[in-house]
């Protein structure tokens, strides 16, 4: 059951709400506009608040639903976390879009929400605070995701290894943003 749910989570994660919503609305492909990232932040830039909000919701649900399904089937917390990570991998490297996906922040937030809501709330709160102070989405993501690790290590240690892998993937996908942050040329809102 674990492997079947992991594959289904990856396939669900591979759905890019940014690309699909852009196509439905007749808008530009987010991979070819703005930052080139098919995620909620770039959708806000290129398509407006409504499509950005729908993208955010869809991406959150991609991380949350596989966790909830794994819970229904009685899988333990670590298995749930690996299944959630499969959904994030689908978002990062989507089968349906030539493995060219987003950065995984909203899908990771959905995953955390399903695993341990206080960790998700901490990450969302940290993201919002950093974003309000700096107006830089990538910096907010790079601070918010690793911030959940001590809380998980203390409260939900079984999820720690998959969430450490998740954090590494998010940092990896933001490597260009890190270079731009250090060079002082990262985009702000």
Protein backbone atom coordinates (compact mmCIF):
# COMPACT_ATOMS: atom_id res chain seq x y z
CA UNK A 1 0.00 0.00 0.00
CA UNK A 2 2.86 2.39 0.83
CA UNK A 3 4.39 2.27 -2.65
CA UNK A 4 1.05 2.62 -4.40
CA UNK A 5 0.21 5.71 -2.33
CA UNK A 6 3.68 7.16 -2.93
CA UNK A 7 3.28 6.77 -6.71
CA UNK A 8 -0.20 8.28 -6.61
CA UNK A 9 1.11 11.16 -4.47
CA UNK A 10 3.87 11.82 -7.02
CA UNK A 11 1.33 11.82 -9.87
CA UNK A 12 -0.95 14.19 -7.95
CA UNK A 13 2.03 16.41 -7.15
CA UNK A 14 2.87 16.49 -10.85
CA UNK A 15 -0.30 18.46 -11.58
CA UNK A 16 0.81 22.07 -11.98
CA UNK A 17 -2.07 24.29 -10.97
CA UNK A 18 -0.19 27.36 -12.17
CA UNK A 19 0.14 25.98 -15.70
CA UNK A 20 -3.35 24.48 -15.83
CA UNK A 21 -5.05 27.62 -14.49
CA UNK A 22 -3.06 29.81 -16.87
CA UNK A 23 -4.17 27.67 -19.80
CA UNK A 24 -7.81 27.74 -18.66
CA UNK A 25 -7.73 31.53 -18.26
CA UNK A 26 -5.93 32.03 -21.57
CA UNK A 27 -2.97 33.60 -19.79
CA UNK A 28 0.75 33.22 -20.34
CA UNK A 29 2.63 30.09 -19.34
CA UNK A 30 4.14 30.99 -15.95
CA UNK A 31 7.32 29.12 -16.92
CA UNK A 32 7.84 31.68 -19.71
CA UNK A 33 6.83 34.80 -17.75
CA UNK A 34 7.94 36.62 -14.62
CA UNK A 35 10.41 34.51 -12.66
CA UNK A 36 9.68 31.44 -14.79
CA UNK A 37 8.51 29.49 -11.74
CA UNK A 38 5.12 27.73 -11.97
CA UNK A 39 4.04 28.60 -8.44
CA UNK A 40 1.73 30.93 -6.56
CA UNK A 41 4.23 33.78 -6.18
CA UNK A 42 4.93 34.00 -9.89
CA UNK A 43 1.23 33.62 -10.65
CA UNK A 44 0.63 36.69 -8.52
CA UNK A 45 3.11 38.54 -10.73
CA UNK A 46 1.83 37.34 -14.09
CA UNK A 47 -1.85 36.46 -13.60
CA UNK A 48 -3.17 38.35 -10.59
CA UNK A 49 -4.52 37.59 -7.14
CA UNK A 50 -7.37 35.27 -8.09
CA UNK A 51 -5.26 32.78 -10.07
CA UNK A 52 -2.43 33.08 -7.55
CA UNK A 53 -4.84 32.21 -4.73
CA UNK A 54 -6.24 29.25 -6.64
CA UNK A 55 -2.71 28.07 -7.42
CA UNK A 56 -1.75 28.34 -3.75
CA UNK A 57 -4.83 26.37 -2.70
CA UNK A 58 -4.24 23.66 -5.31
CA UNK A 59 -0.57 23.34 -4.40
CA UNK A 60 -1.39 23.15 -0.66
CA UNK A 61 -3.96 20.42 -1.29
CA UNK A 62 -1.42 18.41 -3.33
CA UNK A 63 0.68 18.11 -0.18
CA UNK A 64 -2.19 17.63 2.25
CA UNK A 65 -4.41 15.06 0.48
CA UNK A 66 -1.81 12.26 0.20
CA UNK A 67 -1.08 12.57 3.94
CA UNK A 68 -4.78 12.36 4.80
CA UNK A 69 -5.23 9.33 2.54
CA UNK A 70 -2.19 7.63 4.10
CA UNK A 71 -3.69 8.27 7.55
CA UNK A 72 -6.97 6.69 6.42
CA UNK A 73 -5.06 3.56 5.42
CA UNK A 74 -3.35 3.43 8.81
CA UNK A 75 0.19 4.18 7.67
CA UNK A 76 2.55 5.37 10.38
CA UNK A 77 3.81 8.95 10.61
CA UNK A 78 7.12 8.31 8.86
CA UNK A 79 5.38 6.58 5.96
CA UNK A 80 2.95 9.49 5.74
CA UNK A 81 5.89 11.89 5.60
CA UNK A 82 7.58 9.96 2.79
CA UNK A 83 4.29 9.91 0.86
CA UNK A 84 3.96 13.67 1.36
CA UNK A 85 7.52 14.06 0.11
CA UNK A 86 6.54 12.11 -3.03
CA UNK A 87 3.85 14.74 -3.69
CA UNK A 88 6.44 17.52 -3.26
CA UNK A 89 8.78 15.69 -5.65
CA UNK A 90 5.95 15.60 -8.16
CA UNK A 91 5.59 19.37 -7.82
CA UNK A 92 9.34 19.91 -8.20
CA UNK A 93 9.79 17.45 -11.08
CA UNK A 94 6.33 16.94 -12.68
CA UNK A 95 5.93 14.02 -15.03
CA UNK A 96 3.29 15.88 -17.05
CA UNK A 97 5.38 19.00 -17.67
CA UNK A 98 8.77 17.62 -18.71
CA UNK A 99 10.01 17.55 -15.10
CA UNK A 100 10.06 21.35 -14.99
CA UNK A 101 8.17 22.32 -11.86
CA UNK A 102 7.95 24.81 -9.06
CA UNK A 103 9.90 25.24 -5.87
CA UNK A 104 7.59 23.21 -3.64
CA UNK A 105 6.91 25.67 -0.83
CA UNK A 106 3.09 25.57 -0.87
CA UNK A 107 3.02 21.80 -1.42
CA UNK A 108 5.46 21.39 1.49
CA UNK A 109 3.19 23.56 3.64
CA UNK A 110 0.28 21.25 2.80
CA UNK A 111 2.42 18.26 3.68
CA UNK A 112 3.35 19.79 7.04
CA UNK A 113 -0.27 20.68 7.68
CA UNK A 114 -1.22 17.03 7.29
CA UNK A 115 1.69 15.70 9.35
CA UNK A 116 1.71 18.11 12.27
CA UNK A 117 -0.39 21.28 12.06
CA UNK A 118 1.66 23.27 14.62
CA UNK A 119 4.74 22.87 12.39
CA UNK A 120 2.76 24.10 9.38
CA UNK A 121 1.42 27.07 11.34
CA UNK A 122 4.96 27.92 12.49
CA UNK A 123 6.23 27.73 8.90
CA UNK A 124 3.34 29.81 7.53
CA UNK A 125 3.71 32.39 10.31
CA UNK A 126 7.46 32.65 9.73
CA UNK A 127 6.96 32.93 5.98
CA UNK A 128 4.41 35.72 6.42
CA UNK A 129 6.58 37.62 8.91
CA UNK A 130 9.71 37.45 6.75
CA UNK A 131 7.73 38.32 3.63
CA UNK A 132 6.09 41.35 5.25
CA UNK A 133 9.46 42.58 6.55
CA UNK A 134 11.49 41.95 3.38
CA UNK A 135 8.92 41.66 0.55
CA UNK A 136 11.02 38.70 -0.70
CA UNK A 137 9.19 35.40 -1.15
CA UNK A 138 12.29 33.26 -1.65
CA UNK A 139 13.92 34.50 1.56
CA UNK A 140 10.68 33.82 3.44
CA UNK A 141 10.62 30.24 2.11
CA UNK A 142 14.28 29.63 2.91
CA UNK A 143 13.75 30.73 6.51
CA UNK A 144 10.34 29.17 7.15
CA UNK A 145 11.00 25.59 6.06
CA UNK A 146 14.07 24.79 8.21
CA UNK A 147 12.47 26.57 11.17
CA UNK A 148 10.03 23.66 11.55
CA UNK A 149 12.80 21.07 12.04
CA UNK A 150 13.43 21.61 15.78
CA UNK A 151 9.69 21.46 16.51
CA UNK A 152 9.35 18.23 14.54
CA UNK A 153 12.45 16.73 16.17
CA UNK A 154 10.92 17.38 19.55
CA UNK A 155 7.25 16.58 18.90
CA UNK A 156 7.23 14.24 15.87
CA UNK A 157 10.69 12.67 15.51
CA UNK A 158 9.42 9.99 13.09
CA UNK A 159 8.83 12.71 10.47
CA UNK A 160 12.22 14.34 10.92
CA UNK A 161 14.21 12.48 8.24
CA UNK A 162 11.68 12.99 5.41
CA UNK A 163 11.26 16.66 6.42
CA UNK A 164 15.06 17.12 6.44
CA UNK A 165 15.10 15.76 2.88
CA UNK A 166 12.23 18.14 2.08
CA UNK A 167 14.20 21.08 3.47
CA UNK A 168 17.25 20.12 1.43
CA UNK A 169 15.16 19.93 -1.75
CA UNK A 170 13.59 23.33 -1.13
CA UNK A 171 17.00 24.91 -0.52
CA UNK A 172 18.31 23.19 -3.67
CA UNK A 173 15.40 24.50 -5.77
CA UNK A 174 16.07 28.01 -4.40
CA UNK A 175 19.81 27.95 -5.18
CA UNK A 176 19.41 30.59 -7.89
CA UNK A 177 17.46 32.75 -5.46
CA UNK A 178 20.24 32.32 -2.91
CA UNK A 179 22.80 33.57 -5.44
CA UNK A 180 20.56 36.54 -6.21
CA UNK A 181 19.99 37.25 -2.52
CA UNK A 182 23.72 37.32 -1.83
CA UNK A 183 24.30 39.48 -4.91
CA UNK A 184 21.53 41.90 -3.89
CA UNK A 185 19.45 41.39 -7.02
CA UNK A 186 16.62 39.12 -5.80
CA UNK A 187 13.12 40.20 -6.89
CA UNK A 188 10.89 41.87 -4.31
CA UNK A 189 7.20 42.62 -4.24
